[in-house]
């Protein structure tokens, strides 16, 4: 099955980490069908990564429903959703993602060189749907696992680099997470992707289970674990497809 796969909402449906899930899912679906992938010419990913996919010229009507099943997607389709469930993960590997999301050379100097980094995702409306991990949790984990002093990266006090426009102002912090040897990631797709695309030899993730709000003092465990989101909460009006915990630290899913 050939055709054209579009993802017109890429860049306007979720923040950076969610967008990378959307892009990789669309890329994998297009590859599995021998289809062309088209993404918005204005997508921020084009500024950061070596993206060669053509822009959307003649938009299709969006596929009905958030996160359609693979058998619901036509030959020509405009996809939208979070694409964070095993049906999509099975289509691509970590190696695929690293190949598709190659950092442009002009950004390689960004990011601090640290042994251990941690990512704290703050409130800012986040607590209404997700668990905010208390900062004490990182200190507890560092003691429990015998980790060295860590550099905390947070949207509370983001680093600002001269020459970076506001649109990609987060890049210095994200690359700090990517360059760390040991990463304590937050309950956030921002640091999930830093763990997946970065250099960390060991990743620790917070165990949030069904917690919402907070901040909650939780344990960390080794591995890039992520409790897949409940679509009944994130897409009101949709049927809601709930998935369990999934491990993203392996070579393939």
Foldseek 3Di string as FASTA:
>chain_A
DEAEEEAECQQPQDDDLLSLLVVLLSVLLNVVHVYAYAYAPPHPLVVWFVADGHHDDDDDDAQPDAPDQSVSADNYHHHHHSNPAPSSLQRDFLVSSLVNGPTDPVCPVAADQDQEEEEFEDPPPQQVFAAGADPVLVVVQCVVVVHDDYHYAYPVDHDADPPDDPVCRNVNSLVNLQNYQEYEYELDSSNLVSLSNGNHPWYWYWDQDRDGGDNDNTHIDIFSKHADGWCCVVPPPGPTDGDGIDTRNDRGD
